[in-house]
Amino acid sequence: MGVSRLDLFYRRLLLTKLFIGGWGKPEDLKRIFEFRKIIGDREKCKFLVPEDYPVYINKTEEHADCLIHDGFLISPLEHLVPGILPPESVKARFQFIVPKRWKNHRPVCIHLAGTGDHFFWRRRTLMARPMVKEAGMASLLLENPYYGYRKPKDQLRSSLKNVSDLFVMGGALILESTVLLHWLQREGYWPLGMTGISMGGYMASLAVTNWPKPIPLVPCLSWSTASSVFTTGVLSRAVNWTELEKQYAINSVYEEEIINLLEYCGADSFKMCQEFLKDPGSLGDLLGLSEDRTSTGQKAGRGLLIGGDHVDQLLSSVSSSGTTVDSIQRRVNGNTHRGKKTDSDKCCRPSLHRESISFMKGVMDECTHMANFSVPVDTSLIIVVQAKEDAYIPRTGVLSLQEIWPGCEVRYLKGGHISAYLFKQNVFRQTIYDAFNRFCVKYPNLH
């Protein structure tokens, strides 16, 4: 399947760069990875957030068909990993749109924001208000850290400054969603579910992995990991690779310490690259540096990023010779220099771009790959909506959600990411209704 021309065209209109500040502080990455080990295991974080964690409503507006409540909470991440959030993001704001007349039960769907979705207007207009009219369903719109009122002063629009910011956002949203689900339960709403579009779908998926009960989930235009988004999707062209490569080359802590903290080792992982790489000439193909050389029939999960023509050869050529990425880099670099290298030498090594992409793959999978988190309690309540020609969310070469969450359903739309986002909101809403109905049939007494 090809990629959408509209996706490619739309990407060219966006001129801002992602991650202009680089990877983020090494000490922050270390703290995030340690916390990921806890939050990735539902049993370990059962009591991480008290069920009576305080939530506040500070304003209510009355409309013809609904009430719109403005509320907030203090992000639990600030208590658990102090100082990791920027000060502007500590206070988590939300809007709660509640129908004046319920049609059946008192259902609430939490919507997490996609890329560029600041404040609440877009989700309220395109999803929440229509859901009140169509299904008598309430919506809770949580504002993402780094967006809207929670945007740091030095951040340009939606462009996260550091790679680590995405991981902080994910950790905060998992905890904040848990707080809000507990609060909605206490207030007597039922059933409860989660959704999101694009990045919001990823974040909603992560949040549901942490919830200890069956819950409907509808991730739209998202997939199993964010690593392919920033390494092989069209957004990879917006990444500030120059700064990332420079930091990776000069600061040895990324290569010598951070890499050792990466635990995800699925069939599509960074670690599999370390085990299977033997021929340095094929490193570029395995890392998916060429978006146009995608193998069309490759089994999901066999390659590192996109796969490529050399993957089967690589897998069959594995030997016990102890080949490592380091040895490959030495051969690629022609590492005959003696003595200490200057920063300039480090930044000019031929393999630097490949190493930086590989490192991005590793850190992204560590904190965003669904296989690195608990499987939701009942995967039959998950309905994924995907665009067949999505250029933003590549599916080739990464594990599918069906492999990670057996029993989930995937529905495919024609076209790409942008066209689906603009014109398929009605499909997203209907899918939410379907997931909630499925829950009510299966768990009529689970309040």
Protein backbone atom coordinates (compact mmCIF):
# COMPACT_ATOMS: atom_id res chain seq x y z
CA MET A 1 0.00 0.00 0.00
CA GLY A 2 1.34 3.43 -0.98
CA VAL A 3 1.25 6.59 1.08
CA SER A 4 -1.12 9.51 0.75
CA ARG A 5 0.01 12.39 -1.45
CA LEU A 6 -2.04 14.73 0.72
CA ASP A 7 -0.02 13.62 3.76
CA LEU A 8 3.22 14.39 1.93
CA PHE A 9 1.95 17.74 0.67
CA TYR A 10 0.62 18.81 4.06
CA ARG A 11 3.93 17.97 5.73
CA ARG A 12 5.74 20.33 3.31
CA LEU A 13 3.55 23.19 4.51
CA LEU A 14 4.84 22.80 8.07
CA LEU A 15 8.12 24.63 8.48
CA THR A 16 8.84 24.23 12.20
CA LYS A 17 11.40 21.70 13.41
CA LEU A 18 10.84 19.10 16.13
CA PHE A 19 13.22 18.59 19.08
CA ILE A 20 15.32 21.71 18.49
CA GLY A 21 16.67 21.34 22.03
CA GLY A 22 17.90 17.80 21.40
CA TRP A 23 17.37 14.61 23.37
CA GLY A 24 16.75 16.23 26.74
CA LYS A 25 18.95 16.09 29.81
CA PRO A 26 20.54 12.65 30.27
CA GLU A 27 19.55 12.64 33.95
CA ASP A 28 15.92 13.30 32.92
CA LEU A 29 15.99 10.41 30.46
CA LYS A 30 17.36 8.13 33.17
CA ARG A 31 14.60 9.13 35.59
CA ILE A 32 11.94 8.66 32.91
CA PHE A 33 13.21 5.19 31.98
CA GLU A 34 13.26 4.12 35.63
CA PHE A 35 9.70 5.36 36.07
CA ARG A 36 8.64 3.58 32.86
CA LYS A 37 9.55 0.28 34.53
CA ILE A 38 6.94 1.01 37.18
CA ILE A 39 4.23 2.53 35.05
CA GLY A 40 4.61 -0.17 32.41
CA ASP A 41 3.46 -2.81 34.91
CA ARG A 42 -0.17 -2.44 35.96
CA GLU A 43 0.35 -4.48 39.14
CA LYS A 44 3.22 -2.27 40.31
CA CYS A 45 1.23 0.93 40.01
CA LYS A 46 -2.13 -0.21 41.40
CA PHE A 47 -1.72 2.13 44.35
CA LEU A 48 0.40 4.79 42.65
CA VAL A 49 -2.57 7.16 42.42
CA PRO A 50 -5.08 7.22 45.34
CA GLU A 51 -8.68 6.58 44.27
CA ASP A 52 -9.74 9.78 46.04
CA TYR A 53 -7.08 11.97 44.40
CA PRO A 54 -8.53 15.53 44.35
CA VAL A 55 -10.19 16.89 41.20
CA TYR A 56 -11.67 20.40 41.09
CA ILE A 57 -14.43 22.07 39.04
CA ASN A 58 -13.98 25.85 38.95
CA LYS A 59 -16.45 27.02 36.27
CA THR A 60 -19.70 25.82 34.65
CA GLU A 61 -21.41 27.13 31.50
CA GLU A 62 -24.95 26.18 30.55
CA HIS A 63 -25.82 25.54 26.90
CA ALA A 64 -29.02 24.45 25.19
CA ASP A 65 -28.18 20.75 25.21
CA CYS A 66 -25.31 20.41 27.68
CA LEU A 67 -23.32 21.76 30.59
CA ILE A 68 -19.64 22.54 30.07
CA HIS A 69 -17.57 22.28 33.26
CA ASP A 70 -13.99 23.59 33.44
CA GLY A 71 -11.83 21.72 35.92
CA PHE A 72 -8.28 20.92 36.91
CA LEU A 73 -6.03 18.66 38.95
CA ILE A 74 -2.37 18.72 39.90
CA SER A 75 -0.54 16.13 37.82
CA PRO A 76 0.48 13.15 39.99
CA LEU A 77 3.71 13.01 37.98
CA GLU A 78 4.85 16.13 39.85
CA HIS A 79 4.67 14.18 43.12
CA LEU A 80 6.16 10.95 41.79
CA VAL A 81 8.97 12.37 39.62
CA PRO A 82 9.42 15.90 41.03
CA GLY A 83 10.63 18.59 38.65
CA ILE A 84 10.34 16.48 35.49
CA LEU A 85 7.35 18.51 34.24
CA PRO A 86 7.85 22.15 33.23
CA PRO A 87 6.14 24.46 35.75
CA GLU A 88 3.45 25.43 33.23
CA SER A 89 2.40 21.79 32.81
CA VAL A 90 1.95 20.84 36.47
CA LYS A 91 -1.67 22.00 36.56
CA ALA A 92 -3.74 19.72 34.32
CA ARG A 93 -6.86 21.42 32.95
CA PHE A 94 -9.88 19.73 31.41
CA GLN A 95 -13.35 20.41 30.06
CA PHE A 96 -16.25 18.11 30.92
CA ILE A 97 -19.17 18.31 28.47
CA VAL A 98 -22.27 16.69 30.01
CA PRO A 99 -25.64 16.28 28.24
CA LYS A 100 -28.66 17.75 30.00
CA ARG A 101 -30.61 14.62 29.11
CA TRP A 102 -29.06 11.16 29.16
CA LYS A 103 -30.33 8.64 26.62
CA ASN A 104 -29.00 5.42 28.10
CA HIS A 105 -26.89 5.15 31.27
CA ARG A 106 -24.42 8.00 31.94
CA PRO A 107 -21.51 7.21 29.57
CA VAL A 108 -18.35 9.31 29.50
CA CYS A 109 -15.50 9.14 27.00
CA ILE A 110 -12.15 10.77 27.81
CA HIS A 111 -10.54 12.35 24.72
CA LEU A 112 -6.77 12.95 24.66
CA ALA A 113 -5.37 15.57 22.29
CA GLY A 114 -3.60 14.91 19.01
CA THR A 115 -0.60 16.84 17.71
CA GLY A 116 -1.36 20.55 17.50
CA ASP A 117 -4.67 20.25 19.40
CA HIS A 118 -4.28 23.10 21.89
CA PHE A 119 -6.98 24.00 24.40
CA PHE A 120 -10.39 22.35 23.81
CA TRP A 121 -12.12 23.94 20.83
CA ARG A 122 -11.28 21.32 18.21
CA ARG A 123 -12.28 18.26 20.23
CA ARG A 124 -15.33 20.02 21.66
CA THR A 125 -16.60 21.08 18.21
CA LEU A 126 -15.75 18.01 16.15
CA MET A 127 -16.32 15.24 18.69
CA ALA A 128 -17.86 16.16 22.05
CA ARG A 129 -20.82 18.35 21.03
CA PRO A 130 -21.91 15.97 18.22
CA MET A 131 -21.64 13.03 20.67
CA VAL A 132 -24.06 14.80 23.03
CA LYS A 133 -26.61 15.12 20.20
CA GLU A 134 -26.07 11.73 18.56
CA ALA A 135 -25.70 9.45 21.57
CA GLY A 136 -26.33 11.43 24.75
CA MET A 137 -22.71 10.72 25.67
CA ALA A 138 -20.56 12.97 27.84
CA SER A 139 -16.95 13.79 26.95
CA LEU A 140 -14.02 14.79 29.13
CA LEU A 141 -11.32 16.67 27.23
CA LEU A 142 -7.97 16.60 29.02
CA GLU A 143 -5.32 19.06 27.93
CA ASN A 144 -1.95 17.49 27.18
CA PRO A 145 1.18 18.71 28.94
CA TYR A 146 3.15 21.08 26.65
CA TYR A 147 -0.10 22.21 24.94
CA GLY A 148 -2.50 25.13 25.45
CA TYR A 149 -2.42 26.46 29.01
CA ARG A 150 0.25 23.84 29.77
CA LYS A 151 2.70 24.98 27.06
CA PRO A 152 6.15 26.08 28.27
CA LYS A 153 6.98 29.70 27.48
CA ASP A 154 10.04 28.78 25.42
CA GLN A 155 8.23 26.22 23.22
CA LEU A 156 7.33 27.21 19.66
CA ARG A 157 3.72 26.26 18.90
CA SER A 158 3.30 22.45 19.01
CA SER A 159 6.95 21.58 18.45
CA LEU A 160 8.20 19.75 21.53
CA LYS A 161 11.64 21.08 22.39
CA ASN A 162 13.22 17.80 23.53
CA VAL A 163 12.69 14.15 22.69
CA SER A 164 12.27 13.51 26.41
CA ASP A 165 9.24 15.86 26.46
CA LEU A 166 7.18 13.26 24.58
CA PHE A 167 7.93 10.66 27.25
CA VAL A 168 7.11 13.08 30.06
CA MET A 169 3.83 13.87 28.32
CA GLY A 170 2.98 10.16 28.12
CA GLY A 171 3.77 9.48 31.77
CA ALA A 172 1.75 12.47 32.91
CA LEU A 173 -1.28 11.55 30.79
CA ILE A 174 -1.31 7.95 32.02
CA LEU A 175 -1.49 9.15 35.63
CA GLU A 176 -3.90 12.02 34.97
CA SER A 177 -6.26 9.73 33.04
CA THR A 178 -6.24 7.31 35.97
CA VAL A 179 -7.17 10.14 38.34
CA LEU A 180 -10.04 11.22 36.10
CA LEU A 181 -11.36 7.67 35.62
CA HIS A 182 -11.44 7.22 39.40
CA TRP A 183 -13.19 10.57 39.80
CA LEU A 184 -15.82 9.75 37.17
CA GLN A 185 -16.43 6.41 38.89
CA ARG A 186 -16.93 8.17 42.24
CA GLU A 187 -19.39 10.58 40.62
CA GLY A 188 -21.49 7.67 39.35
CA TYR A 189 -20.80 7.84 35.60
CA TRP A 190 -20.88 4.59 33.62
CA PRO A 191 -19.64 3.21 31.32
CA LEU A 192 -16.27 4.94 30.94
CA GLY A 193 -13.96 4.77 27.92
CA MET A 194 -11.04 6.48 26.21
CA THR A 195 -10.19 7.72 22.74
CA GLY A 196 -7.82 10.01 20.88
CA ILE A 197 -6.75 10.84 17.35
CA SER A 198 -3.16 10.53 16.12
CA MET A 199 -0.88 11.24 19.11
CA GLY A 200 -4.01 11.31 21.27
CA GLY A 201 -4.69 7.72 20.23
CA TYR A 202 -1.21 6.66 21.39
CA MET A 203 -1.67 8.40 24.70
CA ALA A 204 -5.15 6.94 25.25
CA SER A 205 -3.75 3.48 24.51
CA LEU A 206 -0.96 3.94 27.06
CA ALA A 207 -3.47 5.14 29.67
CA VAL A 208 -5.74 2.12 29.19
CA THR A 209 -2.83 -0.29 29.73
CA ASN A 210 -2.71 1.05 33.29
CA TRP A 211 -6.43 0.78 34.13
CA PRO A 212 -7.25 -2.33 36.23
CA LYS A 213 -10.74 -2.96 34.77
CA PRO A 214 -12.23 -3.70 31.34
CA ILE A 215 -12.66 -0.42 29.44
CA PRO A 216 -13.60 0.57 25.87
CA LEU A 217 -10.70 2.06 23.89
CA VAL A 218 -10.82 3.64 20.41
CA PRO A 219 -7.37 4.80 19.22
CA CYS A 220 -7.77 6.58 15.86
CA LEU A 221 -4.91 7.02 13.39
CA SER A 222 -2.30 5.63 15.79
CA TRP A 223 -0.45 2.31 16.03
CA SER A 224 1.81 0.26 18.28
CA THR A 225 4.80 2.60 18.72
CA ALA A 226 5.84 6.19 18.08
CA SER A 227 9.34 5.16 16.95
CA SER A 228 8.35 4.77 13.30
CA VAL A 229 6.60 8.16 13.34
CA PHE A 230 9.88 9.96 14.00
CA THR A 231 12.28 7.68 12.11
CA THR A 232 10.50 6.60 8.91
CA GLY A 233 7.22 8.56 8.69
CA VAL A 234 6.93 11.95 7.03
CA LEU A 235 7.40 13.67 10.40
CA SER A 236 10.96 12.29 10.49
CA ARG A 237 11.80 15.04 8.00
CA ALA A 238 10.76 17.65 10.57
CA VAL A 239 13.12 16.26 13.22
CA ASN A 240 16.18 18.40 13.95
CA TRP A 241 18.64 15.59 13.25
CA THR A 242 21.58 18.02 13.11
CA GLU A 243 21.24 18.88 16.81
CA LEU A 244 20.41 15.31 17.82
CA GLU A 245 23.46 13.93 16.01
CA LYS A 246 25.71 16.60 17.51
CA GLN A 247 24.58 15.83 21.06
CA TYR A 248 24.79 12.08 20.53
CA ALA A 249 28.33 12.39 19.19
CA ILE A 250 29.71 14.78 21.79
CA ASN A 251 28.06 13.48 24.97
CA SER A 252 29.10 9.86 25.44
CA VAL A 253 26.46 9.30 28.15
CA TYR A 254 23.82 8.57 25.48
CA GLU A 255 25.88 5.84 23.85
CA GLU A 256 27.51 4.46 26.98
CA GLU A 257 24.80 4.74 29.66
CA ILE A 258 21.36 5.52 28.24
CA ILE A 259 21.48 2.63 25.75
CA ASN A 260 22.03 0.20 28.63
CA LEU A 261 18.74 1.32 30.21
CA LEU A 262 16.67 0.31 27.17
CA GLU A 263 14.70 -2.81 28.05
CA TYR A 264 12.23 -3.31 25.19
CA CYS A 265 13.42 -6.36 23.23
CA GLY A 266 10.54 -7.36 20.95
CA ALA A 267 10.99 -8.69 17.43
CA ASP A 268 11.04 -5.12 16.09
CA SER A 269 13.34 -3.67 18.71
CA PHE A 270 16.62 -1.78 18.85
CA LYS A 271 18.12 -4.75 20.73
CA MET A 272 17.30 -7.11 17.88
CA CYS A 273 19.36 -4.85 15.67
CA GLN A 274 22.31 -5.31 17.99
CA GLU A 275 21.90 -9.07 17.85
CA PHE A 276 21.32 -9.45 14.14
CA LEU A 277 23.52 -6.85 12.45
CA LYS A 278 26.49 -8.42 10.74
CA ASP A 279 26.92 -6.67 7.42
CA PRO A 280 27.57 -2.93 7.92
CA GLY A 281 26.51 -2.25 4.34
CA SER A 282 22.96 -3.23 5.19
CA LEU A 283 22.69 -1.01 8.25
CA GLY A 284 21.06 1.80 6.29
CA ASP A 285 18.38 -0.50 4.92
CA LEU A 286 17.67 -2.03 8.31
CA LEU A 287 17.34 1.37 9.91
CA GLY A 288 14.86 2.42 7.23
CA LEU A 289 16.80 5.42 6.02
CA SER A 290 15.16 5.25 2.61
CA GLU A 291 11.40 5.68 2.79
CA ASP A 292 11.04 4.52 -0.79
CA ARG A 293 12.63 1.10 -0.27
CA THR A 294 9.88 -0.42 1.84
CA SER A 295 9.45 -4.16 1.35
CA THR A 296 5.79 -4.79 0.60
CA GLY A 297 5.41 -8.37 1.71
CA GLN A 298 7.50 -8.41 4.84
CA LYS A 299 6.06 -10.06 7.91
CA ALA A 300 5.38 -7.49 10.65
CA GLY A 301 8.03 -7.32 13.30
CA ARG A 302 10.84 -8.98 11.35
CA GLY A 303 12.86 -5.83 10.64
CA LEU A 304 14.04 -3.02 12.85
CA LEU A 305 12.26 -0.10 11.25
CA ILE A 306 11.15 -0.58 7.68
CA GLY A 307 12.79 -3.88 6.97
CA GLY A 308 14.27 -3.72 3.51
CA ASP A 309 15.73 -6.26 1.12
CA HIS A 310 18.55 -7.37 3.41
CA VAL A 311 16.55 -8.44 6.47
CA ASP A 312 16.16 -12.12 5.59
CA GLN A 313 19.82 -12.29 4.62
CA LEU A 314 20.76 -10.70 7.94
CA LEU A 315 18.62 -13.07 9.96
CA SER A 316 20.08 -16.10 8.21
CA SER A 317 23.65 -14.88 8.57
CA VAL A 318 23.62 -14.57 12.34
CA SER A 319 26.63 -16.32 13.80
CA SER A 320 28.21 -16.72 17.18
CA SER A 321 30.98 -14.34 16.28
CA GLY A 322 29.77 -11.76 18.79
CA THR A 323 29.16 -9.04 16.21
CA THR A 324 27.89 -5.86 17.90
CA VAL A 325 26.83 -2.41 16.82
CA ASP A 326 30.12 -1.10 18.23
CA SER A 327 32.16 -3.40 16.01
CA ILE A 328 30.07 -2.40 13.00
CA GLN A 329 30.62 1.25 13.78
CA ARG A 330 34.36 0.72 14.01
CA ARG A 331 34.39 -0.95 10.60
CA VAL A 332 32.11 1.67 9.03
CA ASN A 333 34.16 4.47 10.51
CA GLY A 334 37.45 2.94 9.44
CA ASN A 335 38.46 3.51 13.01
CA THR A 336 42.23 3.69 12.70
CA HIS A 337 42.65 6.90 14.69
CA ARG A 338 44.74 6.70 17.82
CA GLY A 339 44.35 8.88 20.84
CA LYS A 340 41.54 11.19 21.85
CA LYS A 341 39.12 12.45 19.22
CA THR A 342 38.00 16.06 19.10
CA ASP A 343 34.33 17.03 19.13
CA SER A 344 34.69 17.88 15.46
CA ASP A 345 35.97 14.38 14.70
CA LYS A 346 33.08 12.81 16.60
CA CYS A 347 30.50 14.90 14.72
CA CYS A 348 31.94 13.96 11.34
CA ARG A 349 31.99 10.16 11.65
CA PRO A 350 30.18 8.61 8.67
CA SER A 351 27.87 6.39 10.73
CA LEU A 352 26.57 9.18 12.98
CA HIS A 353 23.22 9.66 11.24
CA ARG A 354 22.51 5.93 11.30
CA GLU A 355 23.49 5.70 14.97
CA SER A 356 21.25 8.66 15.87
CA ILE A 357 18.25 7.14 14.08
CA SER A 358 18.91 3.82 15.79
CA PHE A 359 19.13 5.54 19.17
CA MET A 360 15.88 7.39 18.47
CA LYS A 361 14.29 4.04 17.65
CA GLY A 362 15.51 2.62 20.95
CA VAL A 363 14.40 5.42 23.25
CA MET A 364 11.04 5.83 21.49
CA ASP A 365 10.25 2.12 21.77
CA GLU A 366 11.28 2.11 25.41
CA CYS A 367 8.65 4.69 26.36
CA THR A 368 5.95 4.38 23.68
CA HIS A 369 5.88 0.78 22.41
CA MET A 370 2.66 -0.89 23.57
CA ALA A 371 4.52 -4.19 24.03
CA ASN A 372 6.51 -2.48 26.79
CA PHE A 373 3.33 -1.95 28.82
CA SER A 374 0.68 -4.24 30.33
CA VAL A 375 -1.96 -5.68 28.00
CA PRO A 376 -5.38 -4.05 28.63
CA VAL A 377 -7.69 -6.19 30.76
CA ASP A 378 -10.11 -6.99 27.89
CA THR A 379 -8.72 -6.44 24.40
CA SER A 380 -12.08 -7.27 22.77
CA LEU A 381 -13.22 -3.80 23.86
CA ILE A 382 -10.51 -2.15 21.72
CA ILE A 383 -11.43 -0.96 18.22
CA VAL A 384 -8.56 0.65 16.32
CA VAL A 385 -9.28 2.94 13.35
CA GLN A 386 -6.42 3.16 10.85
CA ALA A 387 -5.91 4.89 7.49
CA LYS A 388 -4.62 2.54 4.80
CA GLU A 389 -2.26 5.08 3.21
CA ASP A 390 -1.11 6.86 6.38
CA ALA A 391 2.28 8.47 5.78
CA TYR A 392 2.52 9.77 9.35
CA ILE A 393 2.05 6.42 11.12
CA PRO A 394 4.08 3.75 9.27
CA ARG A 395 2.98 0.20 10.11
CA THR A 396 5.60 -1.72 8.15
CA GLY A 397 8.41 -3.26 10.15
CA VAL A 398 6.83 -2.80 13.58
CA LEU A 399 4.69 -5.21 15.55
CA SER A 400 1.00 -4.83 14.83
CA LEU A 401 -1.50 -4.07 17.56
CA GLN A 402 -3.21 -7.40 16.81
CA GLU A 403 0.04 -9.17 17.72
CA ILE A 404 0.46 -7.18 20.93
CA TRP A 405 -3.23 -7.15 21.89
CA PRO A 406 -4.78 -10.38 20.55
CA GLY A 407 -8.53 -9.97 20.26
CA CYS A 408 -8.58 -6.27 19.38
CA GLU A 409 -10.34 -5.15 16.20
CA VAL A 410 -8.75 -2.96 13.50
CA ARG A 411 -10.91 -1.04 11.04
CA TYR A 412 -9.28 0.50 7.99
CA LEU A 413 -10.27 3.69 6.17
CA LYS A 414 -9.32 4.57 2.61
CA GLY A 415 -6.85 7.42 2.24
CA GLY A 416 -4.22 8.90 4.48
CA HIS A 417 -3.76 10.54 7.87
CA ILE A 418 -4.81 14.09 6.96
CA SER A 419 -7.89 13.19 4.91
CA ALA A 420 -9.12 10.87 7.68
CA TYR A 421 -8.53 13.53 10.33
CA LEU A 422 -10.42 16.15 8.32
CA PHE A 423 -13.32 14.12 6.97
CA LYS A 424 -13.83 10.96 9.08
CA GLN A 425 -14.75 12.34 12.51
CA ASN A 426 -18.19 10.76 12.10
CA VAL A 427 -16.53 7.35 11.67
CA PHE A 428 -14.47 7.89 14.81
CA ARG A 429 -17.62 8.78 16.77
CA GLN A 430 -19.54 5.75 15.50
CA THR A 431 -16.64 3.51 16.46
CA ILE A 432 -16.74 4.92 19.99
CA TYR A 433 -20.46 4.09 20.19
CA ASP A 434 -19.76 0.57 18.95
CA ALA A 435 -17.06 0.00 21.58
CA PHE A 436 -19.28 1.32 24.38
CA ASN A 437 -22.20 -0.86 23.21
CA ARG A 438 -19.89 -3.87 23.16
CA PHE A 439 -18.89 -3.12 26.74
CA CYS A 440 -22.51 -2.78 27.92
CA VAL A 441 -23.46 -6.12 26.36
CA LYS A 442 -20.46 -7.91 27.86
CA TYR A 443 -20.38 -6.23 31.29
CA PRO A 444 -23.95 -5.03 32.06
CA ASN A 445 -23.36 -5.17 35.82
CA LEU A 446 -19.75 -3.96 36.05
CA HIS A 447 -20.19 -0.60 37.79
